[in-house]
Amino acid sequence: MSEREPTSVLLPTLEWGPVAAQLAAGLRAEDELLLVCDSADDPVASHDTPAGARVLVAGDPDGCSGKANALARGMEAARHDRLVWTDDDFERGPDWLDELVAAGVCHGPASAVPFFTGSGWWRLVEPWYGALFALLVTLQVGPVADTAWGGGVTFTREELTTDVESLAAELRTVLSDDYLLTQRLPSVHPVRSMVTPVEVAGDAGAVVSRIVRFGRIVGVNEGWRGSLVNLVVAAVGLAYPFVVAPLLTAVFVPVYLCVGERRVNALFAYPGLLLLPVTVLGARLVTEFEWAGRRYRFPESGVVEVVREREG
């Protein structure tokens, strides 16, 4: 096993679960795993962590998301030059950390590629919000080029366009850690071998909250003009269903294959297209949503409000 530079891995989490154990197992001798929770009452805070892992308490977020707040605390405590941000909502193999860091050494800031997949109501929008998004990130096409996904991204302090202290301060003012980090790195290399299925909840409330959150992150930060494209495409699909429906199915089957997935959800591409106006208008008009047990408000001002704290 070849040597690599020591790495600080930041994992916002409330409990010691399979992901924490997998990351701890992949640490090298000088690496550190920082498990960042909200409160000393969270289960992970009292867990007997293995060598190389330690728990940090970030406190409740104020003016930012819980995850951004946790990453700010982790950045302040991290000891090494090489940094990795990740999430606890997908499992990984023993070589995951080595592969990601190796990509960062070769290409500069490097990110795994998320593929948001699920059942229930999510199936209707998965072709667009899951498969197509993953493909565009992988190919570096359009506004999602150079996306730094907070679920699996590596960079060094020197690669940031700001200093760590300033980044930590900014994290405490934002909803999306991914969006902020993307803005603070000069470019991001998508690791094509690390397309990562992330299972998301499929109940109606969870799907609505996710779509509103995704939509408002883009709309509030970048403007809403891009959403007009979705409306036009949906209008064309509604006007010419017998042409567009089979065409979309023929297109999305290879899209799924390109991101390494064989899923019948590709058949929902046309129904999902017809739902795009609803998702666009919903994200435009609705300002509140649930995320990881908290309820947030994200108005046009861009100021994050925590409407309701998580229970427990």
Protein backbone atom coordinates (compact mmCIF):
# COMPACT_ATOMS: atom_id res chain seq x y z
CA MET A 1 0.00 0.00 0.00
CA SER A 2 1.62 3.26 -1.16
CA GLU A 3 2.03 6.18 1.19
CA ARG A 4 -0.08 9.31 0.96
CA GLU A 5 -0.28 12.62 2.77
CA PRO A 6 -2.10 12.75 6.13
CA THR A 7 -5.76 13.67 5.72
CA SER A 8 -8.44 15.22 7.92
CA VAL A 9 -11.85 13.66 7.22
CA LEU A 10 -14.89 15.68 8.33
CA LEU A 11 -18.11 13.71 8.93
CA PRO A 12 -21.18 15.54 10.27
CA THR A 13 -23.15 12.85 12.08
CA LEU A 14 -25.24 12.30 15.19
CA GLU A 15 -24.38 8.67 15.84
CA TRP A 16 -21.65 6.11 15.38
CA GLY A 17 -22.96 3.99 12.53
CA PRO A 18 -21.66 1.84 9.66
CA VAL A 19 -20.32 4.85 7.73
CA ALA A 20 -18.24 6.09 10.65
CA ALA A 21 -16.86 2.58 11.15
CA GLN A 22 -16.04 2.26 7.44
CA LEU A 23 -14.22 5.59 7.40
CA ALA A 24 -12.31 4.76 10.58
CA ALA A 25 -11.22 1.45 9.04
CA GLY A 26 -9.83 3.30 6.02
CA LEU A 27 -7.66 5.73 7.99
CA ARG A 28 -3.88 5.70 7.67
CA ALA A 29 -1.70 6.10 10.76
CA GLU A 30 -1.59 9.93 10.65
CA ASP A 31 -5.12 10.55 9.35
CA GLU A 32 -7.87 11.92 11.55
CA LEU A 33 -11.61 11.38 11.42
CA LEU A 34 -13.59 14.27 12.92
CA LEU A 35 -17.15 13.27 13.81
CA VAL A 36 -19.07 16.52 14.25
CA CYS A 37 -22.41 16.46 16.06
CA ASP A 38 -24.80 19.14 17.32
CA SER A 39 -24.92 18.42 21.03
CA ALA A 40 -23.18 16.55 23.81
CA ASP A 41 -26.45 14.61 24.10
CA ASP A 42 -26.12 13.13 20.61
CA PRO A 43 -25.32 9.38 20.68
CA VAL A 44 -21.94 9.77 18.95
CA ALA A 45 -20.72 12.17 21.64
CA SER A 46 -20.50 9.35 24.19
CA HIS A 47 -19.16 6.71 21.81
CA ASP A 48 -15.74 5.22 22.51
CA THR A 49 -14.06 6.12 19.23
CA PRO A 50 -11.10 4.16 17.81
CA ALA A 51 -7.63 5.56 17.28
CA GLY A 52 -7.58 8.44 14.82
CA ALA A 53 -11.21 9.43 15.40
CA ARG A 54 -12.54 12.10 17.72
CA VAL A 55 -15.87 13.80 18.34
CA LEU A 56 -16.51 17.54 18.08
CA VAL A 57 -19.66 19.33 19.25
CA ALA A 58 -20.71 22.16 16.95
CA GLY A 59 -23.81 23.40 18.74
CA ASP A 60 -27.12 24.25 17.11
CA PRO A 61 -26.95 26.24 13.86
CA ASP A 62 -27.87 29.91 13.83
CA GLY A 63 -28.24 31.47 10.39
CA CYS A 64 -27.01 28.38 8.54
CA SER A 65 -27.79 24.71 8.02
CA GLY A 66 -26.84 22.12 10.60
CA LYS A 67 -24.42 20.51 8.18
CA ALA A 68 -22.71 23.79 7.28
CA ASN A 69 -22.37 24.57 10.98
CA ALA A 70 -20.80 21.16 11.63
CA LEU A 71 -18.32 21.56 8.77
CA ALA A 72 -17.32 25.00 10.06
CA ARG A 73 -16.49 23.46 13.43
CA GLY A 74 -14.58 20.66 11.74
CA MET A 75 -12.55 23.03 9.56
CA GLU A 76 -11.49 24.99 12.63
CA ALA A 77 -10.29 21.81 14.36
CA ALA A 78 -8.70 19.97 11.42
CA ARG A 79 -4.94 19.48 11.72
CA HIS A 80 -3.88 18.48 8.23
CA ASP A 81 -3.43 20.29 4.93
CA ARG A 82 -5.42 17.69 2.96
CA LEU A 83 -9.15 17.75 3.78
CA VAL A 84 -12.11 15.51 2.94
CA TRP A 85 -15.77 16.35 3.47
CA THR A 86 -18.29 13.52 3.47
CA ASP A 87 -21.78 12.44 4.59
CA ASP A 88 -23.22 9.54 6.58
CA ASP A 89 -26.05 8.70 4.13
CA PHE A 90 -24.20 6.20 1.94
CA GLU A 91 -21.85 3.31 2.65
CA ARG A 92 -18.45 2.82 1.05
CA GLY A 93 -15.70 0.28 0.57
CA PRO A 94 -12.33 0.08 2.36
CA ASP A 95 -10.46 1.92 -0.43
CA TRP A 96 -12.89 4.83 -0.73
CA LEU A 97 -10.72 7.37 1.09
CA ASP A 98 -7.52 6.32 -0.70
CA GLU A 99 -9.23 6.56 -4.09
CA LEU A 100 -10.65 10.01 -3.43
CA VAL A 101 -7.38 11.40 -2.07
CA ALA A 102 -5.43 9.89 -4.98
CA ALA A 103 -7.74 11.73 -7.39
CA GLY A 104 -7.12 14.93 -5.48
CA VAL A 105 -3.37 14.51 -5.66
CA CYS A 106 -3.51 13.87 -9.43
CA HIS A 107 -6.11 16.43 -10.45
CA GLY A 108 -6.44 19.03 -7.72
CA PRO A 109 -9.78 19.43 -5.93
CA ALA A 110 -11.75 16.27 -6.68
CA SER A 111 -15.28 15.14 -5.97
CA ALA A 112 -17.27 11.95 -6.11
CA VAL A 113 -20.47 12.24 -8.16
CA PRO A 114 -23.81 11.81 -6.38
CA PHE A 115 -26.68 9.90 -7.96
CA PHE A 116 -29.78 10.54 -5.87
CA THR A 117 -31.93 7.46 -6.15
CA GLY A 118 -34.97 6.16 -4.34
CA SER A 119 -38.44 4.68 -4.43
CA GLY A 120 -41.93 6.02 -3.86
CA TRP A 121 -42.62 9.49 -5.24
CA TRP A 122 -38.94 10.11 -5.89
CA ARG A 123 -39.11 7.74 -8.87
CA LEU A 124 -41.05 10.37 -10.83
CA VAL A 125 -38.23 12.91 -10.64
CA GLU A 126 -35.21 10.60 -10.34
CA PRO A 127 -34.40 10.65 -14.07
CA TRP A 128 -33.99 14.44 -13.90
CA TYR A 129 -32.77 15.12 -10.36
CA GLY A 130 -30.78 11.90 -10.08
CA ALA A 131 -29.51 10.37 -13.32
CA LEU A 132 -29.29 13.45 -15.54
CA PHE A 133 -27.71 15.51 -12.76
CA ALA A 134 -25.08 12.80 -12.18
CA LEU A 135 -24.31 12.61 -15.89
CA LEU A 136 -23.93 16.38 -16.29
CA VAL A 137 -21.65 16.57 -13.25
CA THR A 138 -19.56 13.70 -14.61
CA LEU A 139 -19.26 15.30 -18.05
CA GLN A 140 -18.71 18.80 -16.62
CA VAL A 141 -21.59 20.20 -18.65
CA GLY A 142 -23.64 23.30 -17.94
CA PRO A 143 -24.08 25.08 -14.60
CA VAL A 144 -23.25 21.94 -12.58
CA ALA A 145 -19.69 21.77 -13.97
CA ASP A 146 -17.04 21.92 -11.22
CA THR A 147 -19.55 20.90 -8.56
CA ALA A 148 -17.98 20.13 -5.20
CA TRP A 149 -20.30 17.59 -3.58
CA GLY A 150 -20.06 17.76 0.19
CA GLY A 151 -20.75 14.03 0.37
CA GLY A 152 -17.32 13.18 -1.00
CA VAL A 153 -14.85 15.93 -1.90
CA THR A 154 -11.16 16.48 -1.22
CA PHE A 155 -8.98 19.58 -1.45
CA THR A 156 -6.03 21.20 0.31
CA ARG A 157 -5.91 24.45 2.22
CA GLU A 158 -3.74 26.00 -0.50
CA GLU A 159 -6.31 25.12 -3.18
CA LEU A 160 -8.99 27.25 -1.53
CA THR A 161 -9.39 30.76 -2.89
CA THR A 162 -9.86 31.95 0.68
CA ASP A 163 -8.35 31.01 4.04
CA VAL A 164 -9.83 28.37 6.32
CA GLU A 165 -10.93 30.89 8.93
CA SER A 166 -12.90 32.87 6.36
CA LEU A 167 -14.43 29.70 4.92
CA ALA A 168 -15.56 28.61 8.38
CA ALA A 169 -17.14 32.01 8.95
CA GLU A 170 -18.91 31.83 5.59
CA LEU A 171 -20.19 28.33 6.32
CA ARG A 172 -22.02 29.76 9.32
CA THR A 173 -24.06 31.99 7.00
CA VAL A 174 -25.14 29.55 4.25
CA LEU A 175 -27.66 26.82 3.58
CA SER A 176 -25.56 24.81 1.13
CA ASP A 177 -22.02 23.78 1.99
CA ASP A 178 -21.71 22.28 -1.52
CA TYR A 179 -22.56 25.56 -3.23
CA LEU A 180 -20.18 27.58 -1.06
CA LEU A 181 -17.27 25.17 -1.50
CA THR A 182 -17.83 25.11 -5.26
CA GLN A 183 -17.45 28.90 -5.23
CA ARG A 184 -14.28 28.74 -3.14
CA LEU A 185 -12.38 26.25 -5.31
CA PRO A 186 -10.93 27.25 -8.70
CA SER A 187 -12.11 24.01 -10.34
CA VAL A 188 -13.27 20.56 -9.29
CA HIS A 189 -12.42 17.26 -10.99
CA PRO A 190 -15.31 14.75 -11.07
CA VAL A 191 -14.05 11.27 -10.20
CA ARG A 192 -15.88 9.20 -12.79
CA SER A 193 -15.11 5.93 -11.02
CA MET A 194 -16.88 7.25 -7.91
CA VAL A 195 -20.46 7.76 -9.08
CA THR A 196 -22.23 7.25 -5.76
CA PRO A 197 -25.85 6.12 -5.37
CA VAL A 198 -27.41 7.99 -2.46
CA GLU A 199 -30.73 6.57 -1.30
CA VAL A 200 -33.24 9.33 -0.58
CA ALA A 201 -36.64 9.13 1.08
CA GLY A 202 -39.57 8.59 -1.27
CA ASP A 203 -42.53 9.82 0.78
CA ALA A 204 -44.28 12.88 -0.60
CA GLY A 205 -43.20 15.28 2.14
CA ALA A 206 -39.54 14.34 1.89
CA VAL A 207 -39.55 14.59 -1.91
CA VAL A 208 -41.17 18.04 -1.82
CA SER A 209 -38.67 19.27 0.77
CA ARG A 210 -35.71 18.00 -1.25
CA ILE A 211 -36.95 19.57 -4.48
CA VAL A 212 -37.66 22.89 -2.76
CA ARG A 213 -34.23 22.88 -1.11
CA PHE A 214 -32.39 22.02 -4.33
CA GLY A 215 -34.40 24.55 -6.32
CA ARG A 216 -34.00 27.41 -3.88
CA ILE A 217 -30.26 26.88 -3.49
CA VAL A 218 -29.91 27.45 -7.23
CA GLY A 219 -32.62 30.08 -7.62
CA VAL A 220 -31.72 32.28 -4.67
CA ASN A 221 -28.00 32.17 -5.43
CA GLU A 222 -28.02 32.17 -9.24
CA GLY A 223 -31.39 33.62 -10.20
CA TRP A 224 -34.50 31.97 -11.62
CA ARG A 225 -33.99 32.51 -15.35
CA GLY A 226 -32.70 28.97 -15.82
CA SER A 227 -36.02 27.58 -14.62
CA LEU A 228 -37.68 28.99 -17.74
CA VAL A 229 -35.87 26.34 -19.78
CA ASN A 230 -37.57 23.62 -17.75
CA LEU A 231 -40.96 25.19 -18.37
CA VAL A 232 -40.39 25.41 -22.13
CA VAL A 233 -39.18 21.81 -22.35
CA ALA A 234 -42.19 20.60 -20.35
CA ALA A 235 -44.53 22.56 -22.63
CA VAL A 236 -43.04 20.87 -25.68
CA GLY A 237 -43.46 17.48 -24.01
CA LEU A 238 -47.10 18.21 -23.25
CA ALA A 239 -47.77 19.40 -26.81
CA TYR A 240 -46.16 16.39 -28.52
CA PRO A 241 -46.55 13.44 -26.11
CA PHE A 242 -46.39 10.67 -28.71
CA VAL A 243 -43.04 11.96 -29.94
CA VAL A 244 -41.44 13.13 -26.70
CA ALA A 245 -42.39 10.18 -24.45
CA PRO A 246 -40.64 7.43 -26.46
CA LEU A 247 -37.78 9.79 -27.29
CA LEU A 248 -37.11 10.54 -23.62
CA THR A 249 -37.26 6.86 -22.73
CA ALA A 250 -34.75 6.09 -25.49
CA VAL A 251 -32.48 8.86 -24.19
CA PHE A 252 -32.68 8.14 -20.47
CA VAL A 253 -31.97 4.41 -20.64
CA PRO A 254 -28.41 5.12 -21.85
CA VAL A 255 -28.17 8.03 -19.40
CA TYR A 256 -28.73 5.56 -16.58
CA LEU A 257 -26.22 3.16 -18.10
CA CYS A 258 -23.64 5.94 -18.37
CA VAL A 259 -23.79 6.49 -14.62
CA GLY A 260 -23.58 2.76 -13.97
CA GLU A 261 -27.21 2.10 -13.08
CA ARG A 262 -29.76 -0.24 -14.61
CA ARG A 263 -33.06 0.97 -13.19
CA VAL A 264 -36.60 0.87 -14.51
CA ASN A 265 -36.99 4.40 -13.17
CA ALA A 266 -35.70 5.55 -16.57
CA LEU A 267 -39.27 4.86 -17.73
CA PHE A 268 -40.46 7.76 -15.58
CA ALA A 269 -38.56 10.32 -17.66
CA TYR A 270 -41.68 11.55 -19.47
CA PRO A 271 -43.97 11.77 -16.40
CA GLY A 272 -41.10 13.52 -14.63
CA LEU A 273 -40.86 16.00 -17.49
CA LEU A 274 -44.52 16.92 -17.05
CA LEU A 275 -43.86 17.49 -13.35
CA LEU A 276 -40.98 19.90 -13.97
CA PRO A 277 -43.25 22.99 -14.02
CA VAL A 278 -44.69 21.94 -10.66
CA THR A 279 -41.23 21.47 -9.15
CA VAL A 280 -40.00 24.78 -10.57
CA LEU A 281 -43.01 26.75 -9.32
CA GLY A 282 -42.90 24.97 -5.99
CA ALA A 283 -39.26 25.87 -5.44
CA ARG A 284 -39.99 29.45 -6.53
CA LEU A 285 -42.99 30.00 -4.27
CA VAL A 286 -42.31 27.80 -1.22
CA THR A 287 -39.59 29.07 1.10
CA GLU A 288 -39.73 26.47 3.90
CA PHE A 289 -38.62 22.85 3.91
CA GLU A 290 -37.47 20.03 6.17
CA TRP A 291 -33.85 18.85 6.20
CA ALA A 292 -32.30 16.32 8.59
CA GLY A 293 -34.91 16.87 11.29
CA ARG A 294 -34.92 20.67 11.18
CA ARG A 295 -37.25 23.03 9.38
CA TYR A 296 -35.64 25.91 7.50
CA ARG A 297 -36.78 29.06 5.74
CA PHE A 298 -34.65 30.28 2.83
CA PRO A 299 -36.13 33.52 1.45
CA GLU A 300 -34.92 35.60 -1.50
CA SER A 301 -32.65 37.55 0.85
CA GLY A 302 -30.47 34.44 1.18
CA VAL A 303 -30.56 34.66 4.97
CA VAL A 304 -31.04 31.17 6.43
CA GLU A 305 -33.61 30.88 9.19
CA VAL A 306 -33.98 27.82 11.41
CA VAL A 307 -37.74 27.69 11.92
CA ARG A 308 -37.78 24.57 14.06
CA GLU A 309 -34.94 22.68 15.72
CA ARG A 310 -34.73 18.93 15.50
CA GLU A 311 -36.23 16.88 18.30
CA GLY A 312 -34.16 14.68 20.59
